[in-house]
Every structure is written in C-alpha cells, then in structure tokens.
C-alpha atoms as a PDB file:
ATOM      1  CA  MET A   1       1.276 -21.030  17.142  1.00  0.00           C
ATOM      2  CA  THR A   2       1.086 -19.850  13.580  1.00  0.00           C
ATOM      3  CA  ALA A   3       0.199 -15.887  12.286  1.00  0.00           C
ATOM      4  CA  TRP A   4      -2.142 -17.002   9.464  1.00  0.00           C
ATOM      5  CA  ILE A   5      -1.785 -15.059   5.869  1.00  0.00           C
ATOM      6  CA  CYS A   6      -5.494 -15.081   3.978  1.00  0.00           C
ATOM      7  CA  THR A   7      -3.985 -16.315   0.651  1.00  0.00           C
ATOM      8  CA  THR A   8      -6.651 -13.839  -0.990  1.00  0.00           C
ATOM      9  CA  CYS A   9      -5.559 -10.554   0.514  1.00  0.00           C
ATOM     10  CA  CYS A  10      -2.481 -11.403   2.320  1.00  0.00           C
ATOM     11  CA  VAL A  11      -3.329  -9.901   5.350  1.00  0.00           C
ATOM     12  CA  GLN A  12      -2.210 -11.600   8.293  1.00  0.00           C
ATOM     13  CA  TYR A  13      -3.493 -12.275  11.296  1.00  0.00           C
ATOM     14  CA  PRO A  14      -1.962 -13.148  15.055  1.00  0.00           C
ATOM     15  CA  GLU A  15      -0.342 -16.033  16.020  1.00  0.00           C
ATOM     16  CA  THR A  16      -3.413 -18.806  16.766  1.00  0.00           C
ATOM     17  CA  ALA A  17      -3.058 -23.171  16.665  1.00  0.00           C
ATOM     18  CA  THR A  18      -5.676 -23.424  14.187  1.00  0.00           C
ATOM     19  CA  PRO A  19      -6.606 -20.355  10.989  1.00  0.00           C
ATOM     20  CA  PRO A  20      -9.689 -17.881  11.472  1.00  0.00           C
ATOM     21  CA  GLU A  21     -12.573 -18.872  10.247  1.00  0.00           C
ATOM     22  CA  ARG A  22     -12.918 -16.366   8.087  1.00  0.00           C
ATOM     23  CA  CYS A  23     -11.106 -13.069   6.600  1.00  0.00           C
ATOM     24  CA  ALA A  24     -13.141  -9.937   7.431  1.00  0.00           C
ATOM     25  CA  ILE A  25     -11.279  -8.405   4.954  1.00  0.00           C
ATOM     26  CA  CYS A  26     -12.057 -10.218   2.428  1.00  0.00           C
ATOM     27  CA  GLU A  27     -15.907 -10.414   3.513  1.00  0.00           C
ATOM     28  CA  ASP A  28     -16.253  -6.751   3.026  1.00  0.00           C
ATOM     29  CA  GLU A  29     -17.761  -5.788  -0.186  1.00  0.00           C
ATOM     30  CA  ARG A  30     -14.582  -3.465  -1.612  1.00  0.00           C
ATOM     31  CA  GLN A  31     -13.112  -7.358  -1.477  1.00  0.00           C
ATOM     32  CA  TYR A  32     -14.033 -10.915  -1.637  1.00  0.00           C
ATOM     33  CA  VAL A  33     -13.706 -14.709  -0.529  1.00  0.00           C
ATOM     34  CA  GLY A  34     -12.021 -17.093  -3.349  1.00  0.00           C
ATOM     35  CA  ALA A  35     -14.371 -19.558  -5.077  1.00  0.00           C
ATOM     36  CA  GLU A  36     -12.824 -22.269  -3.586  1.00  0.00           C
ATOM     37  CA  GLY A  37     -13.693 -20.583  -0.005  1.00  0.00           C
ATOM     38  CA  GLN A  38     -12.060 -19.269   3.043  1.00  0.00           C
ATOM     39  CA  ARG A  39      -8.034 -20.339   2.755  1.00  0.00           C
ATOM     40  CA  TRP A  40      -4.664 -19.704   4.927  1.00  0.00           C
ATOM     41  CA  THR A  41      -1.201 -19.919   4.683  1.00  0.00           C
ATOM     42  CA  SER A  42       1.477 -18.767   6.675  1.00  0.00           C
ATOM     43  CA  MET A  43       5.174 -16.654   5.503  1.00  0.00           C
ATOM     44  CA  GLU A  44       7.101 -19.976   6.521  1.00  0.00           C
ATOM     45  CA  ALA A  45       4.948 -21.691   3.799  1.00  0.00           C
ATOM     46  CA  ILE A  46       5.359 -18.294   1.257  1.00  0.00           C
ATOM     47  CA  ALA A  47       9.159 -18.630   1.438  1.00  0.00           C
ATOM     48  CA  ARG A  48       9.726 -22.787   1.015  1.00  0.00           C
ATOM     49  CA  ASN A  49       8.892 -21.472  -2.863  1.00  0.00           C
ATOM     50  CA  HIS A  50       8.658 -17.881  -2.852  1.00  0.00           C
ATOM     51  CA  HIS A  51      12.009 -15.185  -2.536  1.00  0.00           C
ATOM     52  CA  ASN A  52      11.491 -11.409  -2.522  1.00  0.00           C
ATOM     53  CA  ASP A  53      12.271  -8.989  -5.453  1.00  0.00           C
ATOM     54  CA  TRP A  54      14.134  -6.569  -5.260  1.00  0.00           C
ATOM     55  CA  ARG A  55      14.784  -4.427  -8.103  1.00  0.00           C
ATOM     56  CA  ALA A  56      15.778  -0.439  -8.392  1.00  0.00           C
ATOM     57  CA  LEU A  57      13.556   1.923  -9.740  1.00  0.00           C
ATOM     58  CA  ALA A  58      14.616   5.422  -9.702  1.00  0.00           C
ATOM     59  CA  PRO A  59      17.561   7.222  -7.319  1.00  0.00           C
ATOM     60  CA  GLY A  60      17.279   6.946  -4.096  1.00  0.00           C
ATOM     61  CA  LEU A  61      14.244   4.326  -4.486  1.00  0.00           C
ATOM     62  CA  ALA A  62      13.371   0.652  -4.851  1.00  0.00           C
ATOM     63  CA  GLY A  63      10.582  -1.612  -5.128  1.00  0.00           C
ATOM     64  CA  ILE A  64      10.133  -5.297  -2.911  1.00  0.00           C
ATOM     65  CA  GLY A  65       7.994  -7.715  -4.323  1.00  0.00           C
ATOM     66  CA  VAL A  66       7.171 -11.090  -4.064  1.00  0.00           C
ATOM     67  CA  THR A  67       7.848 -14.057  -6.457  1.00  0.00           C
ATOM     68  CA  PRO A  68       5.628 -15.742  -7.507  1.00  0.00           C
ATOM     69  CA  ALA A  69       3.094 -13.381  -7.062  1.00  0.00           C
ATOM     70  CA  VAL A  70       0.820 -14.385  -3.938  1.00  0.00           C
ATOM     71  CA  GLY A  71      -2.959 -13.065  -2.934  1.00  0.00           C
ATOM     72  CA  ILE A  72      -3.400  -9.644  -5.147  1.00  0.00           C
ATOM     73  CA  GLY A  73       0.528  -9.339  -6.213  1.00  0.00           C
ATOM     74  CA  GLN A  74       1.091  -5.778  -4.807  1.00  0.00           C
ATOM     75  CA  ARG A  75       4.761  -4.765  -3.859  1.00  0.00           C
ATOM     76  CA  SER A  76       6.073  -2.438  -1.802  1.00  0.00           C
ATOM     77  CA  LEU A  77       8.547   0.693  -2.350  1.00  0.00           C
ATOM     78  CA  PHE A  78      10.870   1.519   0.089  1.00  0.00           C
ATOM     79  CA  ILE A  79      12.791   5.696  -0.175  1.00  0.00           C
ATOM     80  CA  MET A  80      16.544   4.527   1.174  1.00  0.00           C
ATOM     81  CA  ARG A  81      18.109   7.138   3.467  1.00  0.00           C
ATOM     82  CA  PRO A  82      21.389   6.533   5.481  1.00  0.00           C
ATOM     83  CA  GLU A  83      19.223   7.297   8.570  1.00  0.00           C
ATOM     84  CA  GLY A  84      16.739   5.513   7.856  1.00  0.00           C
ATOM     85  CA  GLY A  85      14.365   4.940   5.385  1.00  0.00           C
ATOM     86  CA  VAL A  86      10.457   4.972   4.980  1.00  0.00           C
ATOM     87  CA  LEU A  87       8.543   1.938   3.453  1.00  0.00           C
ATOM     88  CA  TRP A  88       5.561   2.411   1.665  1.00  0.00           C
ATOM     89  CA  ASP A  89       2.155  -0.807   1.688  1.00  0.00           C
ATOM     90  CA  MET A  90       3.603  -4.246   2.702  1.00  0.00           C
ATOM     91  CA  VAL A  91       4.045  -7.893   1.253  1.00  0.00           C
ATOM     92  CA  PRO A  92       3.417 -11.098   3.422  1.00  0.00           C
ATOM     93  CA  LEU A  93       7.064 -12.237   3.040  1.00  0.00           C
ATOM     94  CA  ILE A  94       9.912 -10.663   3.911  1.00  0.00           C
ATOM     95  CA  THR A  95      13.334 -13.075   4.291  1.00  0.00           C
ATOM     96  CA  ASP A  96      16.215 -12.710   5.809  1.00  0.00           C
ATOM     97  CA  GLU A  97      18.304 -11.671   2.413  1.00  0.00           C
ATOM     98  CA  THR A  98      15.467  -8.855   2.680  1.00  0.00           C
ATOM     99  CA  VAL A  99      16.789  -7.815   5.977  1.00  0.00           C
ATOM    100  CA  GLY A 100      20.387  -7.831   5.055  1.00  0.00           C
ATOM    101  CA  ARG A 101      20.119  -5.175   1.802  1.00  0.00           C
ATOM    102  CA  ILE A 102      17.822  -2.857   4.088  1.00  0.00           C
ATOM    103  CA  ARG A 103      19.722  -2.440   6.814  1.00  0.00           C
ATOM    104  CA  ALA A 104      23.462  -2.059   4.327  1.00  0.00           C
ATOM    105  CA  ALA A 105      21.144   1.206   2.763  1.00  0.00           C
ATOM    106  CA  GLY A 106      20.269   2.538   5.939  1.00  0.00           C
ATOM    107  CA  GLY A 107      17.351   1.238   7.812  1.00  0.00           C
ATOM    108  CA  VAL A 108      13.896   1.775   8.387  1.00  0.00           C
ATOM    109  CA  ALA A 109      12.595   4.738  10.123  1.00  0.00           C
ATOM    110  CA  ALA A 110       8.780   4.178   9.445  1.00  0.00           C
ATOM    111  CA  ILE A 111       6.167   2.124   7.800  1.00  0.00           C
ATOM    112  CA  ALA A 112       2.996   3.991   6.329  1.00  0.00           C
ATOM    113  CA  ILE A 113       0.757   2.183   4.134  1.00  0.00           C
ATOM    114  CA  SER A 114      -1.961   3.435   2.102  1.00  0.00           C
ATOM    115  CA  HIS A 115      -4.777   1.248   3.198  1.00  0.00           C
ATOM    116  CA  PRO A 116      -5.791  -2.205   4.808  1.00  0.00           C
ATOM    117  CA  HIS A 117      -5.805  -4.240   1.611  1.00  0.00           C
ATOM    118  CA  PHE A 118      -1.899  -3.492   1.353  1.00  0.00           C
ATOM    119  CA  TYR A 119      -1.397  -4.176   5.459  1.00  0.00           C
ATOM    120  CA  ALA A 120       0.132  -7.315   4.514  1.00  0.00           C
ATOM    121  CA  ALA A 121       2.419  -8.689   6.687  1.00  0.00           C
ATOM    122  CA  MET A 122       3.259  -5.808   8.040  1.00  0.00           C
ATOM    123  CA  VAL A 123       3.256  -6.478  12.037  1.00  0.00           C
ATOM    124  CA  THR A 124       5.943  -8.876  11.048  1.00  0.00           C
ATOM    125  CA  TRP A 125       7.807  -6.546   8.714  1.00  0.00           C
ATOM    126  CA  SER A 126       8.334  -4.061  11.476  1.00  0.00           C
ATOM    127  CA  GLU A 127       9.497  -6.736  14.369  1.00  0.00           C
ATOM    128  CA  ARG A 128      11.776  -8.215  12.288  1.00  0.00           C
ATOM    129  CA  LEU A 129      13.498  -4.795  11.115  1.00  0.00           C
ATOM    130  CA  GLY A 130      13.947  -3.770  14.609  1.00  0.00           C
ATOM    131  CA  ASP A 131       9.983  -2.513  16.038  1.00  0.00           C
ATOM    132  CA  VAL A 132      10.006  -0.355  12.884  1.00  0.00           C
ATOM    133  CA  PRO A 133       6.674   2.604  13.771  1.00  0.00           C
ATOM    134  CA  ILE A 134       3.341   1.856  11.397  1.00  0.00           C
ATOM    135  CA  TYR A 135       1.628   5.022  10.640  1.00  0.00           C
ATOM    136  CA  LEU A 136      -2.048   3.644   8.951  1.00  0.00           C
ATOM    137  CA  HIS A 137      -4.578   6.327   9.163  1.00  0.00           C
ATOM    138  CA  GLU A 138      -6.818   6.389  12.125  1.00  0.00           C
ATOM    139  CA  ALA A 139     -10.149   5.810   9.802  1.00  0.00           C
ATOM    140  CA  ASP A 140      -9.148   3.355   9.079  1.00  0.00           C
ATOM    141  CA  ARG A 141      -8.017   1.643  12.687  1.00  0.00           C
ATOM    142  CA  ALA A 142     -11.521  -1.067  12.551  1.00  0.00           C
ATOM    143  CA  HIS A 143      -9.649  -3.094   9.417  1.00  0.00           C
ATOM    144  CA  VAL A 144      -6.644  -3.605  11.612  1.00  0.00           C
ATOM    145  CA  MET A 145      -6.367  -7.381  12.070  1.00  0.00           C
ATOM    146  CA  ARG A 146      -2.830  -8.217  13.812  1.00  0.00           C
ATOM    147  CA  PRO A 147      -2.887  -5.655  16.461  1.00  0.00           C
ATOM    148  CA  SER A 148       0.929  -3.797  17.333  1.00  0.00           C
ATOM    149  CA  ALA A 149       1.949  -1.346  19.981  1.00  0.00           C
ATOM    150  CA  ASN A 150       4.295  -0.918  16.995  1.00  0.00           C
ATOM    151  CA  ILE A 151       0.992   1.015  14.958  1.00  0.00           C
ATOM    152  CA  ARG A 152       1.060   4.589  15.109  1.00  0.00           C
ATOM    153  CA  PHE A 153      -2.838   5.742  14.096  1.00  0.00           C
ATOM    154  CA  TRP A 154      -2.958   9.300  12.424  1.00  0.00           C
ATOM    155  CA  SER A 155      -5.699  11.955  12.784  1.00  0.00           C
ATOM    156  CA  GLY A 156      -6.270  14.463   9.723  1.00  0.00           C
ATOM    157  CA  GLU A 157      -5.278  15.148   6.584  1.00  0.00           C
ATOM    158  CA  THR A 158      -1.034  15.344   6.318  1.00  0.00           C
ATOM    159  CA  LEU A 159       1.210  13.453   8.316  1.00  0.00           C
ATOM    160  CA  ALA A 160       4.978  14.444   7.584  1.00  0.00           C
ATOM    161  CA  LEU A 161       6.927  11.984   8.351  1.00  0.00           C
ATOM    162  CA  MET A 162      10.578  13.454   7.386  1.00  0.00           C
ATOM    163  CA  ASP A 163      12.183  16.106   5.513  1.00  0.00           C
ATOM    164  CA  GLY A 164      10.339  15.454   1.745  1.00  0.00           C
ATOM    165  CA  VAL A 165       7.830  12.493   3.099  1.00  0.00           C
ATOM    166  CA  THR A 166       4.334  13.475   3.719  1.00  0.00           C
ATOM    167  CA  LEU A 167       1.418  11.307   3.875  1.00  0.00           C
ATOM    168  CA  ILE A 168      -1.684  12.517   2.581  1.00  0.00           C
ATOM    169  CA  ARG A 169      -5.475  11.306   3.521  1.00  0.00           C
ATOM    170  CA  CYS A 170      -7.733  11.145   0.305  1.00  0.00           C
ATOM    171  CA  GLY A 171     -10.364   9.049   1.415  1.00  0.00           C
ATOM    172  CA  GLY A 172     -12.308   6.623  -1.176  1.00  0.00           C
ATOM    173  CA  HIS A 173     -11.181   3.348  -1.614  1.00  0.00           C
ATOM    174  CA  PHE A 174     -11.338   3.372   2.200  1.00  0.00           C
ATOM    175  CA  GLU A 175     -11.881   6.376   4.656  1.00  0.00           C
ATOM    176  CA  GLY A 176      -8.501   6.500   5.815  1.00  0.00           C
ATOM    177  CA  SER A 177      -7.004   5.586   2.237  1.00  0.00           C
ATOM    178  CA  THR A 178      -3.668   7.410   2.047  1.00  0.00           C
ATOM    179  CA  VAL A 179      -0.874   8.792  -0.422  1.00  0.00           C
ATOM    180  CA  LEU A 180       2.687   9.470   0.242  1.00  0.00           C
ATOM    181  CA  HIS A 181       4.360  12.704  -1.723  1.00  0.00           C
ATOM    182  CA  TRP A 182       7.925  12.456  -1.923  1.00  0.00           C
ATOM    183  CA  ALA A 183       9.095  15.159  -3.021  1.00  0.00           C
ATOM    184  CA  ALA A 184      12.925  13.827  -4.273  1.00  0.00           C
ATOM    185  CA  GLY A 185      13.475  15.301  -7.630  1.00  0.00           C
ATOM    186  CA  GLU A 186      10.081  16.407  -9.758  1.00  0.00           C
ATOM    187  CA  GLY A 187       8.122  14.863  -7.417  1.00  0.00           C
ATOM    188  CA  ALA A 188       6.905  11.627  -7.092  1.00  0.00           C
ATOM    189  CA  LEU A 189       2.999  10.289  -5.300  1.00  0.00           C
ATOM    190  CA  PHE A 190       3.218   7.065  -4.402  1.00  0.00           C
ATOM    191  CA  THR A 191      -0.858   5.976  -4.437  1.00  0.00           C
ATOM    192  CA  GLY A 192      -1.173   2.529  -3.786  1.00  0.00           C
ATOM    193  CA  ASP A 193      -5.129   1.934  -5.298  1.00  0.00           C
ATOM    194  CA  THR A 194      -6.597   5.184  -4.051  1.00  0.00           C
ATOM    195  CA  ILE A 195      -5.556   6.941  -7.397  1.00  0.00           C
ATOM    196  CA  GLN A 196      -5.060   3.350  -9.901  1.00  0.00           C
ATOM    197  CA  LEU A 197      -2.869   3.476 -12.927  1.00  0.00           C
ATOM    198  CA  VAL A 198      -4.638   1.752 -15.708  1.00  0.00           C
ATOM    199  CA  PRO A 199      -3.798   0.596 -19.175  1.00  0.00           C
ATOM    200  CA  ASP A 200      -4.423   3.341 -20.944  1.00  0.00           C
ATOM    201  CA  LYS A 201      -0.822   5.560 -20.289  1.00  0.00           C
ATOM    202  CA  GLY A 202      -1.847   8.920 -19.263  1.00  0.00           C
ATOM    203  CA  TRP A 203      -4.248   8.052 -17.538  1.00  0.00           C
ATOM    204  CA  VAL A 204      -5.752   7.103 -13.468  1.00  0.00           C
ATOM    205  CA  SER A 205      -8.983   5.626 -12.233  1.00  0.00           C
ATOM    206  CA  PHE A 206     -11.025   5.415  -8.660  1.00  0.00           C
ATOM    207  CA  MET A 207     -12.994   3.416  -7.437  1.00  0.00           C
ATOM    208  CA  ARG A 208     -15.175   2.088  -4.271  1.00  0.00           C
ATOM    209  CA  SER A 209     -13.945  -1.783  -5.098  1.00  0.00           C
ATOM    210  CA  TYR A 210     -12.078  -2.615  -8.391  1.00  0.00           C
ATOM    211  CA  PRO A 211     -12.879  -6.439  -7.915  1.00  0.00           C
ATOM    212  CA  ASN A 212     -16.135  -5.676  -7.484  1.00  0.00           C
ATOM    213  CA  LEU A 213     -16.706  -2.854  -9.852  1.00  0.00           C
ATOM    214  CA  ILE A 214     -17.982  -0.368  -6.974  1.00  0.00           C
ATOM    215  CA  PRO A 215     -17.665   3.135  -8.552  1.00  0.00           C
ATOM    216  CA  LEU A 216     -16.965   6.139  -6.595  1.00  0.00           C
ATOM    217  CA  PRO A 217     -19.114   9.058  -5.956  1.00  0.00           C
ATOM    218  CA  ALA A 218     -18.061  12.056  -7.512  1.00  0.00           C
ATOM    219  CA  ALA A 219     -18.196  14.560  -4.738  1.00  0.00           C
ATOM    220  CA  ARG A 220     -15.610  11.664  -3.724  1.00  0.00           C
ATOM    221  CA  VAL A 221     -13.138  11.981  -6.826  1.00  0.00           C
ATOM    222  CA  ARG A 222     -12.962  15.819  -6.525  1.00  0.00           C
ATOM    223  CA  THR A 223     -12.445  15.448  -3.019  1.00  0.00           C
ATOM    224  CA  ILE A 224      -9.356  13.340  -3.839  1.00  0.00           C
ATOM    225  CA  ALA A 225      -8.066  15.234  -6.939  1.00  0.00           C
ATOM    226  CA  GLY A 226      -8.452  18.200  -3.980  1.00  0.00           C
ATOM    227  CA  LYS A 227      -6.329  16.930  -1.757  1.00  0.00           C
ATOM    228  CA  VAL A 228      -3.100  15.685  -3.310  1.00  0.00           C
ATOM    229  CA  MET A 229      -3.297  18.831  -6.784  1.00  0.00           C
ATOM    230  CA  PRO A 230      -0.983  21.404  -4.044  1.00  0.00           C
ATOM    231  CA  PHE A 231       1.660  19.323  -4.362  1.00  0.00           C
ATOM    232  CA  ALA A 232       4.017  19.173  -7.212  1.00  0.00           C
ATOM    233  CA  PHE A 233       4.546  15.379  -8.933  1.00  0.00           C
ATOM    234  CA  GLU A 234       5.814  14.007 -12.152  1.00  0.00           C
ATOM    235  CA  LYS A 235       5.556  10.495 -11.608  1.00  0.00           C
ATOM    236  CA  LEU A 236       3.409   8.023 -10.680  1.00  0.00           C
ATOM    237  CA  TYR A 237       3.675   5.187  -8.711  1.00  0.00           C
ATOM    238  CA  GLY A 238       1.180   2.988  -7.862  1.00  0.00           C
ATOM    239  CA  GLY A 239       0.732  -0.750  -6.538  1.00  0.00           C
ATOM    240  CA  TRP A 240       2.076  -2.813  -8.686  1.00  0.00           C
ATOM    241  CA  TRP A 241       5.298  -3.395 -10.392  1.00  0.00           C
ATOM    242  CA  ASP A 242       3.139  -2.409 -13.679  1.00  0.00           C
ATOM    243  CA  ARG A 243       1.597   0.848 -12.247  1.00  0.00           C
ATOM    244  CA  VAL A 244       4.212   3.646 -12.968  1.00  0.00           C
ATOM    245  CA  MET A 245       4.039   6.719 -15.194  1.00  0.00           C
ATOM    246  CA  THR A 246       6.866   8.689 -15.102  1.00  0.00           C
ATOM    247  CA  GLU A 247       5.598  11.674 -16.296  1.00  0.00           C
ATOM    248  CA  ASP A 248       3.069  14.793 -16.368  1.00  0.00           C
ATOM    249  CA  GLY A 249       1.116  12.537 -12.960  1.00  0.00           C
ATOM    250  CA  GLN A 250      -0.704  15.441 -11.707  1.00  0.00           C
ATOM    251  CA  GLY A 251      -1.914  16.398 -15.491  1.00  0.00           C
ATOM    252  CA  ALA A 252      -3.058  12.913 -15.759  1.00  0.00           C
ATOM    253  CA  VAL A 253      -4.778  12.897 -11.680  1.00  0.00           C
ATOM    254  CA  GLN A 254      -6.484  16.479 -12.682  1.00  0.00           C
ATOM    255  CA  ARG A 255      -7.645  15.097 -16.372  1.00  0.00           C
ATOM    256  CA  SER A 256      -9.067  11.662 -15.153  1.00  0.00           C
ATOM    257  CA  ALA A 257     -11.023  13.102 -12.133  1.00  0.00           C
ATOM    258  CA  GLU A 258     -12.781  15.343 -14.584  1.00  0.00           C
ATOM    259  CA  ARG A 259     -13.785  12.602 -17.417  1.00  0.00           C
ATOM    260  CA  TYR A 260     -14.446  10.092 -14.346  1.00  0.00           C
ATOM    261  CA  ILE A 261     -16.882  13.044 -12.948  1.00  0.00           C
ATOM    262  CA  ARG A 262     -18.112  13.840 -16.845  1.00  0.00           C
ATOM    263  CA  ALA A 263     -19.249  10.016 -16.474  1.00  0.00           C
ATOM    264  CA  LEU A 264     -21.471  10.103 -13.464  1.00  0.00           C
ATOM    265  CA  GLU A 265     -22.983  13.841 -14.073  1.00  0.00           C
END
C-alpha cells in the first residue's frame, strides 16, 4: 500500500494499492492538472533522487525544502525552541537526517499550515515526529485529502499556538487561508501565498488563483490587510526560498493593498 502524492500540488493521499483517479486539489479552479494529465509519485520515490534542504534563515528560524524542487517547490519554516517549536507549511519529503536535526533542535510541539496547496505530506511529517498535532482552519476541512487523528481543526479568527506565535485567519486565497505571526525581534509574518511576495522589492499581492490569474475582490483584500495590521512585523516570509522581505513588511502590505484596491475600483 502506498500513500500517493500528486506530482503537481504534492498533496499526499491515504494509502491504497493503486493511485487515485484524480486529485481534487488540482481540479479546483485555484490549481491545475498538468498538461501531461494526472500523475502520481510517493515519498519513497521522491527520496531516491531528492533530499531535504535545510537553511538557517534567522536566529531561531530555519527553512526546510526539497532539492531538486518537487511540484510547486515550496519550503517549510521551523521556529526552533528547546521545549518544542513550530513547523509552518509542509513539503512532500522528510528524511531520517531531517528528523534527527529537528529533534536535536528541540523537536516540534505543533504543525500549522497556511492553506491546502501546502498540506503536502503533513500526516507523514506528524507521525515521523511523534504524532505532532496539525493545526488547520476548519473552513478548509473539505480540502483535507488524507484524514488523521493528529489534525486539529481550529475556528475563529486567531489562535495562539504558544507564547509569541499566533495564527491569523485571513481568508482570500482559500476561506481558511492563514498566516502566522512570530513576535520575536521586530516581528515576522509567515504568509504562504495568502499574501504573496512579488519580484518588485517592497511589494506584495493577493489572488484567488495565482496560476490561473483569478484576482480577489477589493473587499477581500481589505479584510486580509485589516486582519494583519494589528500585529507588529518587519519581516515577511512567503512560501518559497526567494520570497523574503527583511524590512518594512507591514508598510509593504498596507501600500500594496491600497494599490490593489485602486486598480480594481
């Protein structure tokens, strides 16, 4: 039996003898089925010629990706704490070496994920790290393709995972789209692609679908900006290695929201 992984979105499905016929995540209008049609892989197959890429990003913060890139190429973020830290967003591979490094850094007390495109192999990660609870907003419950007793659906607009680490439900890209606020230092916001860092330095954007170029209405953009403005943050960490802003993150979100709304209205 194999826990099949979609090669496009990298979301893992329950163990079956043969691959599913379709990936519901990719058939949604926010994603896409590749031009070659629906294809599947597994963590075991990925591990044959890929490895986890571990990079120090800031004091107490590391990124964990997959090299060469798989699917949409996102990476995870790991807030390290001696009593157990937080893993943010998931990738489709976890190796023995990565398990060892995480445990040496204090282990993981909670996994939290921004939205379904980054669910990846969340259940396998949870199990390998000691059945760590996975926090997902309940508005995205229908998009969970591999159920698990380790998943904790939370409701409302914010959830304090631990001191200085808060989940904020923004909506927009998905109804449950969430960002993480880390209060360390001058503050940082982990945005996935709920708030998307763009190539033009100092700006961000907002979309219902990035690959299919479906915009969000002005009211949704106002809501997203309004949800995060009460939190202090200088840094922004998007969902990919190159999507990082080290200063004036709060200003970038505010002026980008205003520009987006002007363009629509």
